[in-house]
PDB file of N, CA and C in Angstrom:
ATOM      1  N   MET A   1    -117.070  13.805 129.651  1.00  0.00           N
ATOM      2  CA  MET A   1    -116.437  12.489 129.566  1.00  0.00           C
ATOM      3  C   MET A   1    -115.585  12.420 128.303  1.00  0.00           C
ATOM      4  N   ALA A   2    -114.684  11.498 128.279  1.00  0.00           N
ATOM      5  CA  ALA A   2    -113.766  11.361 127.148  1.00  0.00           C
ATOM      6  C   ALA A   2    -114.464  10.750 125.941  1.00  0.00           C
ATOM      7  N   GLY A   3    -113.742  10.714 124.856  1.00  0.00           N
ATOM      8  CA  GLY A   3    -114.281  10.151 123.629  1.00  0.00           C
ATOM      9  C   GLY A   3    -114.177   8.648 123.598  1.00  0.00           C
ATOM     10  N   SER A   4    -113.932   8.118 122.421  1.00  0.00           N
ATOM     11  CA  SER A   4    -113.903   6.671 122.233  1.00  0.00           C
ATOM     12  C   SER A   4    -112.745   6.041 122.994  1.00  0.00           C
ATOM     13  N   GLY A   5    -112.859   4.737 123.221  1.00  0.00           N
ATOM     14  CA  GLY A   5    -111.807   4.023 123.917  1.00  0.00           C
ATOM     15  C   GLY A   5    -111.994   3.949 125.408  1.00  0.00           C
ATOM     16  N   VAL A   6    -113.092   4.489 125.922  1.00  0.00           N
ATOM     17  CA  VAL A   6    -113.339   4.453 127.359  1.00  0.00           C
ATOM     18  C   VAL A   6    -113.770   3.046 127.758  1.00  0.00           C
ATOM     19  N   ARG A   7    -113.046   2.455 128.670  1.00  0.00           N
ATOM     20  CA  ARG A   7    -113.356   1.118 129.174  1.00  0.00           C
ATOM     21  C   ARG A   7    -114.483   1.186 130.196  1.00  0.00           C
ATOM     22  N   TRP A   8    -114.385   2.112 131.151  1.00  0.00           N
ATOM     23  CA  TRP A   8    -115.440   2.374 132.120  1.00  0.00           C
ATOM     24  C   TRP A   8    -115.264   3.738 132.756  1.00  0.00           C
ATOM     25  N   THR A   9    -116.342   4.212 133.350  1.00  0.00           N
ATOM     26  CA  THR A   9    -116.363   5.488 134.065  1.00  0.00           C
ATOM     27  C   THR A   9    -116.976   5.235 135.427  1.00  0.00           C
ATOM     28  N   ILE A  10    -116.439   5.907 136.428  1.00  0.00           N
ATOM     29  CA  ILE A  10    -116.902   5.719 137.800  1.00  0.00           C
ATOM     30  C   ILE A  10    -116.840   7.064 138.509  1.00  0.00           C
ATOM     31  N   VAL A  11    -117.604   7.232 139.576  1.00  0.00           N
ATOM     32  CA  VAL A  11    -117.634   8.484 140.324  1.00  0.00           C
ATOM     33  C   VAL A  11    -116.944   8.266 141.669  1.00  0.00           C
ATOM     34  N   ASP A  12    -116.028   9.180 142.007  1.00  0.00           N
ATOM     35  CA  ASP A  12    -115.345   9.052 143.299  1.00  0.00           C
ATOM     36  C   ASP A  12    -116.248   9.567 144.423  1.00  0.00           C
ATOM     37  N   ARG A  13    -115.799   9.450 145.647  1.00  0.00           N
ATOM     38  CA  ARG A  13    -116.641   9.817 146.790  1.00  0.00           C
ATOM     39  C   ARG A  13    -116.906  11.308 146.880  1.00  0.00           C
ATOM     40  N   ASP A  14    -116.176  12.120 146.118  1.00  0.00           N
ATOM     41  CA  ASP A  14    -116.401  13.565 146.084  1.00  0.00           C
ATOM     42  C   ASP A  14    -117.235  14.000 144.885  1.00  0.00           C
ATOM     43  N   GLY A  15    -117.728  13.016 144.102  1.00  0.00           N
ATOM     44  CA  GLY A  15    -118.598  13.325 142.971  1.00  0.00           C
ATOM     45  C   GLY A  15    -117.881  13.585 141.658  1.00  0.00           C
ATOM     46  N   HIS A  16    -116.580  13.330 141.585  1.00  0.00           N
ATOM     47  CA  HIS A  16    -115.827  13.523 140.352  1.00  0.00           C
ATOM     48  C   HIS A  16    -115.936  12.284 139.466  1.00  0.00           C
ATOM     49  N   GLU A  17    -116.285  12.500 138.216  1.00  0.00           N
ATOM     50  CA  GLU A  17    -116.352  11.407 137.253  1.00  0.00           C
ATOM     51  C   GLU A  17    -114.943  11.123 136.740  1.00  0.00           C
ATOM     52  N   ILE A  18    -114.534   9.860 136.812  1.00  0.00           N
ATOM     53  CA  ILE A  18    -113.184   9.442 136.420  1.00  0.00           C
ATOM     54  C   ILE A  18    -113.322   8.249 135.485  1.00  0.00           C
ATOM     55  N   TYR A  19    -112.524   8.233 134.426  1.00  0.00           N
ATOM     56  CA  TYR A  19    -112.625   7.126 133.489  1.00  0.00           C
ATOM     57  C   TYR A  19    -111.282   6.438 133.269  1.00  0.00           C
ATOM     58  N   LEU A  20    -111.370   5.208 132.791  1.00  0.00           N
ATOM     59  CA  LEU A  20    -110.213   4.417 132.402  1.00  0.00           C
ATOM     60  C   LEU A  20    -110.381   4.057 130.932  1.00  0.00           C
ATOM     61  N   THR A  21    -109.359   4.345 130.129  1.00  0.00           N
ATOM     62  CA  THR A  21    -109.427   3.965 128.721  1.00  0.00           C
ATOM     63  C   THR A  21    -108.844   2.570 128.524  1.00  0.00           C
ATOM     64  N   GLN A  22    -109.207   1.967 127.422  1.00  0.00           N
ATOM     65  CA  GLN A  22    -108.641   0.665 127.068  1.00  0.00           C
ATOM     66  C   GLN A  22    -107.130   0.783 126.900  1.00  0.00           C
ATOM     67  N   GLU A  23    -106.675   1.874 126.309  1.00  0.00           N
ATOM     68  CA  GLU A  23    -105.239   2.081 126.096  1.00  0.00           C
ATOM     69  C   GLU A  23    -104.489   2.124 127.430  1.00  0.00           C
ATOM     70  N   ARG A  24    -105.031   2.836 128.423  1.00  0.00           N
ATOM     71  CA  ARG A  24    -104.374   2.927 129.725  1.00  0.00           C
ATOM     72  C   ARG A  24    -104.395   1.580 130.439  1.00  0.00           C
ATOM     73  N   TRP A  25    -105.492   0.828 130.300  1.00  0.00           N
ATOM     74  CA  TRP A  25    -105.578  -0.491 130.924  1.00  0.00           C
ATOM     75  C   TRP A  25    -104.516  -1.417 130.329  1.00  0.00           C
ATOM     76  N   GLU A  26    -104.378  -1.402 129.018  1.00  0.00           N
ATOM     77  CA  GLU A  26    -103.360  -2.223 128.369  1.00  0.00           C
ATOM     78  C   GLU A  26    -101.952  -1.790 128.802  1.00  0.00           C
ATOM     79  N   HIS A  27    -101.749  -0.491 128.959  1.00  0.00           N
ATOM     80  CA  HIS A  27    -100.462   0.024 129.446  1.00  0.00           C
ATOM     81  C   HIS A  27    -100.165  -0.497 130.853  1.00  0.00           C
ATOM     82  N   ILE A  28    -101.155  -0.434 131.729  1.00  0.00           N
ATOM     83  CA  ILE A  28    -100.989  -0.922 133.105  1.00  0.00           C
ATOM     84  C   ILE A  28    -100.577  -2.390 133.103  1.00  0.00           C
ATOM     85  N   LEU A  29    -101.197  -3.190 132.245  1.00  0.00           N
ATOM     86  CA  LEU A  29    -100.971  -4.637 132.250  1.00  0.00           C
ATOM     87  C   LEU A  29     -99.715  -5.091 131.502  1.00  0.00           C
ATOM     88  N   GLU A  30     -99.014  -4.182 130.845  1.00  0.00           N
ATOM     89  CA  GLU A  30     -97.794  -4.573 130.130  1.00  0.00           C
ATOM     90  C   GLU A  30     -96.821  -5.262 131.088  1.00  0.00           C
ATOM     91  N   PRO A  31     -96.092  -6.262 130.610  1.00  0.00           N
ATOM     92  CA  PRO A  31     -95.169  -7.028 131.465  1.00  0.00           C
ATOM     93  C   PRO A  31     -94.150  -6.166 132.207  1.00  0.00           C
ATOM     94  N   THR A  32     -93.739  -5.046 131.616  1.00  0.00           N
ATOM     95  CA  THR A  32     -92.760  -4.181 132.279  1.00  0.00           C
ATOM     96  C   THR A  32     -93.411  -3.167 133.219  1.00  0.00           C
ATOM     97  N   ASN A  33     -94.742  -3.148 133.289  1.00  0.00           N
ATOM     98  CA  ASN A  33     -95.451  -2.209 134.159  1.00  0.00           C
ATOM     99  C   ASN A  33     -96.060  -2.942 135.350  1.00  0.00           C
ATOM    100  N   HIS A  34     -97.376  -3.198 135.308  1.00  0.00           N
ATOM    101  CA  HIS A  34     -98.056  -3.764 136.472  1.00  0.00           C
ATOM    102  C   HIS A  34     -99.008  -4.903 136.098  1.00  0.00           C
ATOM    103  N   PRO A  35     -98.476  -5.974 135.504  1.00  0.00           N
ATOM    104  CA  PRO A  35     -99.342  -7.078 135.077  1.00  0.00           C
ATOM    105  C   PRO A  35    -100.084  -7.735 136.245  1.00  0.00           C
ATOM    106  N   GLU A  36     -99.620  -7.528 137.463  1.00  0.00           N
ATOM    107  CA  GLU A  36    -100.306  -8.080 138.641  1.00  0.00           C
ATOM    108  C   GLU A  36    -101.710  -7.500 138.816  1.00  0.00           C
ATOM    109  N   MET A  37    -102.034  -6.422 138.109  1.00  0.00           N
ATOM    110  CA  MET A  37    -103.354  -5.795 138.222  1.00  0.00           C
ATOM    111  C   MET A  37    -104.426  -6.507 137.407  1.00  0.00           C
ATOM    112  N   GLU A  38    -104.046  -7.454 136.569  1.00  0.00           N
ATOM    113  CA  GLU A  38    -104.986  -8.075 135.626  1.00  0.00           C
ATOM    114  C   GLU A  38    -106.267  -8.585 136.279  1.00  0.00           C
ATOM    115  N   ASP A  39    -106.166  -9.233 137.425  1.00  0.00           N
ATOM    116  CA  ASP A  39    -107.345  -9.801 138.086  1.00  0.00           C
ATOM    117  C   ASP A  39    -107.940  -8.876 139.141  1.00  0.00           C
ATOM    118  N   PHE A  40    -107.559  -7.590 139.122  1.00  0.00           N
ATOM    119  CA  PHE A  40    -107.974  -6.685 140.188  1.00  0.00           C
ATOM    120  C   PHE A  40    -108.650  -5.413 139.663  1.00  0.00           C
ATOM    121  N   GLU A  41    -109.333  -5.537 138.543  1.00  0.00           N
ATOM    122  CA  GLU A  41    -110.016  -4.374 137.968  1.00  0.00           C
ATOM    123  C   GLU A  41    -111.168  -3.900 138.863  1.00  0.00           C
ATOM    124  N   GLU A  42    -111.908  -4.823 139.447  1.00  0.00           N
ATOM    125  CA  GLU A  42    -113.003  -4.432 140.342  1.00  0.00           C
ATOM    126  C   GLU A  42    -112.458  -3.714 141.579  1.00  0.00           C
ATOM    127  N   GLU A  43    -111.314  -4.179 142.086  1.00  0.00           N
ATOM    128  CA  GLU A  43    -110.689  -3.518 143.229  1.00  0.00           C
ATOM    129  C   GLU A  43    -110.201  -2.121 142.846  1.00  0.00           C
ATOM    130  N   LEU A  44    -109.765  -1.954 141.613  1.00  0.00           N
ATOM    131  CA  LEU A  44    -109.377  -0.626 141.137  1.00  0.00           C
ATOM    132  C   LEU A  44    -110.586   0.307 141.160  1.00  0.00           C
ATOM    133  N   LYS A  45    -111.721  -0.177 140.700  1.00  0.00           N
ATOM    134  CA  LYS A  45    -112.947   0.629 140.747  1.00  0.00           C
ATOM    135  C   LYS A  45    -113.291   1.002 142.185  1.00  0.00           C
ATOM    136  N   GLN A  46    -113.189   0.047 143.094  1.00  0.00           N
ATOM    137  CA  GLN A  46    -113.480   0.318 144.511  1.00  0.00           C
ATOM    138  C   GLN A  46    -112.513   1.357 145.074  1.00  0.00           C
ATOM    139  N   THR A  47    -111.262   1.294 144.643  1.00  0.00           N
ATOM    140  CA  THR A  47    -110.266   2.258 145.110  1.00  0.00           C
ATOM    141  C   THR A  47    -110.697   3.675 144.737  1.00  0.00           C
ATOM    142  N   ILE A  48    -111.152   3.858 143.510  1.00  0.00           N
ATOM    143  CA  ILE A  48    -111.608   5.182 143.067  1.00  0.00           C
ATOM    144  C   ILE A  48    -112.888   5.580 143.804  1.00  0.00           C
ATOM    145  N   GLN A  49    -113.834   4.669 143.928  1.00  0.00           N
ATOM    146  CA  GLN A  49    -115.123   4.975 144.541  1.00  0.00           C
ATOM    147  C   GLN A  49    -115.034   5.279 146.034  1.00  0.00           C
ATOM    148  N   GLN A  50    -114.201   4.555 146.756  1.00  0.00           N
ATOM    149  CA  GLN A  50    -114.292   4.560 148.213  1.00  0.00           C
ATOM    150  C   GLN A  50    -113.175   5.307 148.940  1.00  0.00           C
ATOM    151  N   SER A  51    -112.032   5.502 148.307  1.00  0.00           N
ATOM    152  CA  SER A  51    -110.928   6.123 149.040  1.00  0.00           C
ATOM    153  C   SER A  51    -110.876   7.627 148.802  1.00  0.00           C
ATOM    154  N   ARG A  52    -110.167   8.305 149.663  1.00  0.00           N
ATOM    155  CA  ARG A  52    -109.944   9.743 149.505  1.00  0.00           C
ATOM    156  C   ARG A  52    -108.757   9.961 148.575  1.00  0.00           C
ATOM    157  N   ARG A  53    -108.808  11.052 147.863  1.00  0.00           N
ATOM    158  CA  ARG A  53    -107.703  11.370 146.968  1.00  0.00           C
ATOM    159  C   ARG A  53    -106.699  12.267 147.674  1.00  0.00           C
ATOM    160  N   LYS A  54    -105.448  12.177 147.226  1.00  0.00           N
ATOM    161  CA  LYS A  54    -104.382  13.000 147.778  1.00  0.00           C
ATOM    162  C   LYS A  54    -103.676  13.698 146.618  1.00  0.00           C
ATOM    163  N   GLN A  55    -103.579  15.011 146.703  1.00  0.00           N
ATOM    164  CA  GLN A  55    -102.974  15.791 145.631  1.00  0.00           C
ATOM    165  C   GLN A  55    -101.451  15.680 145.658  1.00  0.00           C
ATOM    166  N   ASP A  56    -100.867  15.549 144.485  1.00  0.00           N
ATOM    167  CA  ASP A  56     -99.422  15.494 144.346  1.00  0.00           C
ATOM    168  C   ASP A  56     -98.848  16.888 144.625  1.00  0.00           C
ATOM    169  N   PRO A  57     -97.817  16.993 145.472  1.00  0.00           N
ATOM    170  CA  PRO A  57     -97.277  18.314 145.802  1.00  0.00           C
ATOM    171  C   PRO A  57     -96.568  19.005 144.637  1.00  0.00           C
ATOM    172  N   LEU A  58     -96.128  18.252 143.633  1.00  0.00           N
ATOM    173  CA  LEU A  58     -95.410  18.845 142.509  1.00  0.00           C
ATOM    174  C   LEU A  58     -96.257  19.046 141.257  1.00  0.00           C
ATOM    175  N   ASN A  59     -97.410  18.386 141.194  1.00  0.00           N
ATOM    176  CA  ASN A  59     -98.301  18.497 140.036  1.00  0.00           C
ATOM    177  C   ASN A  59     -99.726  18.618 140.559  1.00  0.00           C
ATOM    178  N   SER A  60    -100.266  19.820 140.533  1.00  0.00           N
ATOM    179  CA  SER A  60    -101.585  20.080 141.125  1.00  0.00           C
ATOM    180  C   SER A  60    -102.727  19.374 140.417  1.00  0.00           C
ATOM    181  N   GLN A  61    -102.486  18.832 139.220  1.00  0.00           N
ATOM    182  CA  GLN A  61    -103.523  18.109 138.483  1.00  0.00           C
ATOM    183  C   GLN A  61    -103.486  16.613 138.767  1.00  0.00           C
ATOM    184  N   LYS A  62    -102.481  16.149 139.500  1.00  0.00           N
ATOM    185  CA  LYS A  62    -102.276  14.721 139.728  1.00  0.00           C
ATOM    186  C   LYS A  62    -102.703  14.339 141.148  1.00  0.00           C
ATOM    187  N   TYR A  63    -103.520  13.290 141.225  1.00  0.00           N
ATOM    188  CA  TYR A  63    -104.013  12.798 142.506  1.00  0.00           C
ATOM    189  C   TYR A  63    -103.791  11.294 142.603  1.00  0.00           C
ATOM    190  N   THR A  64    -103.590  10.817 143.816  1.00  0.00           N
ATOM    191  CA  THR A  64    -103.518   9.375 144.038  1.00  0.00           C
ATOM    192  C   THR A  64    -104.658   8.952 144.949  1.00  0.00           C
ATOM    193  N   TYR A  65    -105.167   7.792 144.648  1.00  0.00           N
ATOM    194  CA  TYR A  65    -106.198   7.134 145.451  1.00  0.00           C
ATOM    195  C   TYR A  65    -105.556   5.854 145.966  1.00  0.00           C
ATOM    196  N   THR A  66    -105.697   5.577 147.254  1.00  0.00           N
ATOM    197  CA  THR A  66    -105.065   4.405 147.866  1.00  0.00           C
ATOM    198  C   THR A  66    -106.087   3.670 148.712  1.00  0.00           C
ATOM    199  N   LYS A  67    -106.167   2.344 148.539  1.00  0.00           N
ATOM    200  CA  LYS A  67    -107.115   1.542 149.323  1.00  0.00           C
ATOM    201  C   LYS A  67    -106.489   0.199 149.659  1.00  0.00           C
ATOM    202  N   ALA A  68    -106.681  -0.225 150.895  1.00  0.00           N
ATOM    203  CA  ALA A  68    -106.170  -1.518 151.363  1.00  0.00           C
ATOM    204  C   ALA A  68    -107.097  -2.649 150.924  1.00  0.00           C
ATOM    205  N   PHE A  69    -106.482  -3.776 150.582  1.00  0.00           N
ATOM    206  CA  PHE A  69    -107.217  -4.988 150.220  1.00  0.00           C
ATOM    207  C   PHE A  69    -106.482  -6.196 150.774  1.00  0.00           C
ATOM    208  N   ARG A  70    -107.233  -7.236 151.051  1.00  0.00           N
ATOM    209  CA  ARG A  70    -106.633  -8.519 151.394  1.00  0.00           C
ATOM    210  C   ARG A  70    -106.458  -9.315 150.111  1.00  0.00           C
ATOM    211  N   LYS A  71    -105.546 -10.247 150.129  1.00  0.00           N
ATOM    212  CA  LYS A  71    -105.359 -11.187 149.018  1.00  0.00           C
ATOM    213  C   LYS A  71    -104.902 -10.533 147.725  1.00  0.00           C
ATOM    214  N   LEU A  72    -104.007  -9.570 147.822  1.00  0.00           N
ATOM    215  CA  LEU A  72    -103.374  -9.036 146.623  1.00  0.00           C
ATOM    216  C   LEU A  72    -102.169  -9.905 146.294  1.00  0.00           C
ATOM    217  N   VAL A  73    -101.506  -9.623 145.184  1.00  0.00           N
ATOM    218  CA  VAL A  73    -100.358 -10.399 144.736  1.00  0.00           C
ATOM    219  C   VAL A  73     -99.171 -10.174 145.680  1.00  0.00           C
ATOM    220  N   LEU A  74     -98.418 -11.249 145.913  1.00  0.00           N
ATOM    221  CA  LEU A  74     -97.242 -11.226 146.790  1.00  0.00           C
ATOM    222  C   LEU A  74     -97.626 -10.685 148.165  1.00  0.00           C
ATOM    223  N   ASP A  75     -96.843  -9.780 148.700  1.00  0.00           N
ATOM    224  CA  ASP A  75     -97.136  -9.210 150.014  1.00  0.00           C
ATOM    225  C   ASP A  75     -97.785  -7.834 149.911  1.00  0.00           C
ATOM    226  N   ASN A  76     -98.295  -7.500 148.748  1.00  0.00           N
ATOM    227  CA  ASN A  76     -98.902  -6.184 148.567  1.00  0.00           C
ATOM    228  C   ASN A  76    -100.159  -6.053 149.421  1.00  0.00           C
ATOM    229  N   THR A  77    -100.387  -4.833 149.908  1.00  0.00           N
ATOM    230  CA  THR A  77    -101.507  -4.571 150.808  1.00  0.00           C
ATOM    231  C   THR A  77    -102.482  -3.526 150.283  1.00  0.00           C
ATOM    232  N   HIS A  78    -102.064  -2.739 149.289  1.00  0.00           N
ATOM    233  CA  HIS A  78    -102.879  -1.628 148.796  1.00  0.00           C
ATOM    234  C   HIS A  78    -102.861  -1.558 147.271  1.00  0.00           C
ATOM    235  N   ILE A  79    -103.932  -0.996 146.739  1.00  0.00           N
ATOM    236  CA  ILE A  79    -103.967  -0.612 145.331  1.00  0.00           C
ATOM    237  C   ILE A  79    -103.867   0.903 145.286  1.00  0.00           C
ATOM    238  N   ILE A  80    -102.996   1.377 144.406  1.00  0.00           N
ATOM    239  CA  ILE A  80    -102.784   2.804 144.193  1.00  0.00           C
ATOM    240  C   ILE A  80    -103.260   3.129 142.783  1.00  0.00           C
ATOM    241  N   ALA A  81    -104.084   4.154 142.646  1.00  0.00           N
ATOM    242  CA  ALA A  81    -104.513   4.638 141.336  1.00  0.00           C
ATOM    243  C   ALA A  81    -104.050   6.076 141.186  1.00  0.00           C
ATOM    244  N   VAL A  82    -103.458   6.384 140.048  1.00  0.00           N
ATOM    245  CA  VAL A  82    -102.998   7.737 139.760  1.00  0.00           C
ATOM    246  C   VAL A  82    -103.954   8.336 138.728  1.00  0.00           C
ATOM    247  N   VAL A  83    -104.533   9.489 139.070  1.00  0.00           N
ATOM    248  CA  VAL A  83    -105.551  10.124 138.227  1.00  0.00           C
ATOM    249  C   VAL A  83    -105.119  11.549 137.904  1.00  0.00           C
ATOM    250  N   LEU A  84    -105.256  11.931 136.644  1.00  0.00           N
ATOM    251  CA  LEU A  84    -105.038  13.320 136.245  1.00  0.00           C
ATOM    252  C   LEU A  84    -106.385  14.010 136.129  1.00  0.00           C
ATOM    253  N   PHE A  85    -106.502  15.168 136.758  1.00  0.00           N
ATOM    254  CA  PHE A  85    -107.708  15.992 136.701  1.00  0.00           C
ATOM    255  C   PHE A  85    -107.426  17.143 135.752  1.00  0.00           C
ATOM    256  N   ARG A  86    -108.101  17.118 134.622  1.00  0.00           N
ATOM    257  CA  ARG A  86    -107.898  18.142 133.597  1.00  0.00           C
ATOM    258  C   ARG A  86    -109.239  18.613 133.065  1.00  0.00           C
ATOM    259  N   PHE A  87    -109.189  19.517 132.106  1.00  0.00           N
ATOM    260  CA  PHE A  87    -110.389  20.021 131.444  1.00  0.00           C
ATOM    261  C   PHE A  87    -110.207  19.917 129.947  1.00  0.00           C
ATOM    262  N   ARG A  88    -111.328  19.747 129.270  1.00  0.00           N
ATOM    263  CA  ARG A  88    -111.337  19.659 127.809  1.00  0.00           C
ATOM    264  C   ARG A  88    -112.139  20.839 127.283  1.00  0.00           C
ATOM    265  N   GLU A  89    -111.588  21.539 126.313  1.00  0.00           N
ATOM    266  CA  GLU A  89    -112.281  22.674 125.696  1.00  0.00           C
ATOM    267  C   GLU A  89    -113.441  22.162 124.844  1.00  0.00           C
ATOM    268  N   ARG A  90    -114.534  22.984 124.811  1.00  0.00           N
ATOM    269  CA  ARG A  90    -115.717  22.604 124.032  1.00  0.00           C
ATOM    270  C   ARG A  90    -116.237  23.789 123.227  1.00  0.00           C
ATOM    271  N   GLY A  91    -115.356  24.472 122.519  1.00  0.00           N
ATOM    272  CA  GLY A  91    -115.777  25.609 121.701  1.00  0.00           C
ATOM    273  C   GLY A  91    -116.286  26.757 122.554  1.00  0.00           C
ATOM    274  N   ASN A  92    -117.525  27.171 122.307  1.00  0.00           N
ATOM    275  CA  ASN A  92    -118.115  28.297 123.035  1.00  0.00           C
ATOM    276  C   ASN A  92    -118.648  27.906 124.410  1.00  0.00           C
ATOM    277  N   GLN A  93    -118.688  26.630 124.703  1.00  0.00           N
ATOM    278  CA  GLN A  93    -119.221  26.165 125.982  1.00  0.00           C
ATOM    279  C   GLN A  93    -118.124  26.155 127.045  1.00  0.00           C
ATOM    280  N   PRO A  94    -118.515  26.132 128.314  1.00  0.00           N
ATOM    281  CA  PRO A  94    -117.503  26.062 129.382  1.00  0.00           C
ATOM    282  C   PRO A  94    -116.687  24.770 129.271  1.00  0.00           C
ATOM    283  N   PRO A  95    -115.435  24.799 129.722  1.00  0.00           N
ATOM    284  CA  PRO A  95    -114.620  23.579 129.676  1.00  0.00           C
ATOM    285  C   PRO A  95    -115.297  22.440 130.441  1.00  0.00           C
ATOM    286  N   MET A  96    -115.014  21.216 130.000  1.00  0.00           N
ATOM    287  CA  MET A  96    -115.617  20.022 130.600  1.00  0.00           C
ATOM    288  C   MET A  96    -114.545  19.232 131.344  1.00  0.00           C
ATOM    289  N   ALA A  97    -114.905  18.690 132.517  1.00  0.00           N
ATOM    290  CA  ALA A  97    -113.968  17.871 133.287  1.00  0.00           C
ATOM    291  C   ALA A  97    -113.490  16.692 132.440  1.00  0.00           C
ATOM    292  N   ASN A  98    -112.214  16.391 132.539  1.00  0.00           N
ATOM    293  CA  ASN A  98    -111.609  15.286 131.798  1.00  0.00           C
ATOM    294  C   ASN A  98    -110.641  14.583 132.752  1.00  0.00           C
ATOM    295  N   ASN A  99    -111.181  13.762 133.651  1.00  0.00           N
ATOM    296  CA  ASN A  99    -110.411  13.124 134.717  1.00  0.00           C
ATOM    297  C   ASN A  99    -110.217  11.648 134.383  1.00  0.00           C
ATOM    298  N   TYR A 100    -108.943  11.227 134.275  1.00  0.00           N
ATOM    299  CA  TYR A 100    -108.709   9.864 133.823  1.00  0.00           C
ATOM    300  C   TYR A 100    -107.568   9.202 134.590  1.00  0.00           C
ATOM    301  N   ILE A 101    -107.656   7.874 134.667  1.00  0.00           N
ATOM    302  CA  ILE A 101    -106.638   7.073 135.330  1.00  0.00           C
ATOM    303  C   ILE A 101    -105.429   6.958 134.395  1.00  0.00           C
ATOM    304  N   VAL A 102    -104.263   7.311 134.931  1.00  0.00           N
ATOM    305  CA  VAL A 102    -103.019   7.217 134.171  1.00  0.00           C
ATOM    306  C   VAL A 102    -102.388   5.849 134.377  1.00  0.00           C
ATOM    307  N   THR A 103    -102.374   5.399 135.632  1.00  0.00           N
ATOM    308  CA  THR A 103    -101.804   4.097 135.952  1.00  0.00           C
ATOM    309  C   THR A 103    -102.390   3.603 137.266  1.00  0.00           C
ATOM    310  N   ALA A 104    -102.147   2.337 137.543  1.00  0.00           N
ATOM    311  CA  ALA A 104    -102.578   1.728 138.805  1.00  0.00           C
ATOM    312  C   ALA A 104    -101.628   0.572 139.103  1.00  0.00           C
ATOM    313  N   TYR A 105    -101.386   0.353 140.378  1.00  0.00           N
ATOM    314  CA  TYR A 105    -100.457  -0.691 140.783  1.00  0.00           C
ATOM    315  C   TYR A 105    -100.727  -1.116 142.203  1.00  0.00           C
ATOM    316  N   GLN A 106    -100.072  -2.193 142.607  1.00  0.00           N
ATOM    317  CA  GLN A 106    -100.175  -2.704 143.967  1.00  0.00           C
ATOM    318  C   GLN A 106     -98.885  -2.376 144.720  1.00  0.00           C
ATOM    319  N   LYS A 107     -99.029  -2.185 146.027  1.00  0.00           N
ATOM    320  CA  LYS A 107     -97.874  -1.824 146.845  1.00  0.00           C
ATOM    321  C   LYS A 107     -98.070  -2.332 148.261  1.00  0.00           C
ATOM    322  N   GLU A 108     -96.980  -2.708 148.893  1.00  0.00           N
ATOM    323  CA  GLU A 108     -97.028  -3.075 150.298  1.00  0.00           C
ATOM    324  C   GLU A 108     -96.831  -1.809 151.117  1.00  0.00           C
ATOM    325  N   ILE A 109     -97.821  -1.522 151.972  1.00  0.00           N
ATOM    326  CA  ILE A 109     -97.766  -0.353 152.856  1.00  0.00           C
ATOM    327  C   ILE A 109     -97.995  -0.862 154.272  1.00  0.00           C
ATOM    328  N   SER A 110     -97.047  -0.591 155.142  1.00  0.00           N
ATOM    329  CA  SER A 110     -97.153  -1.073 156.533  1.00  0.00           C
ATOM    330  C   SER A 110     -98.110  -0.240 157.336  1.00  0.00           C
TER     331      SER A 110
END
C-alpha cells in the first residue's frame, strides 16, 4: 500500500488493492476537472469494487473501471475510474503492488 496521504483503500473484484490519495481526490474535484464527483465518492468505491477493469491498449499499466448509476449529474449514466497498476521497490524484498486511482469522472454512455 502507499504511504501517507491515502484517503481510502478498496479491493476490486479480482482481489487487487487500489487506493485513492487525498491529493488525487482534490485533483478530481478541481473546478476545471470533475467537480461533479464531489457527492459520489461512495459510488466511486462501488465502481472499483463491483465492475470489471479494462486495460488501456496504449498503456499496459492503465485500466478503467466503468459502472452505471442512476441519478448522476446532468444526463450522465456511468462513473469511470482510471487506475494505474504499478509496483514499488522495497529494497531486498520483492516489489509491492502500488495500484492507485489517477482520476474519476461521470459520462453519458448509451
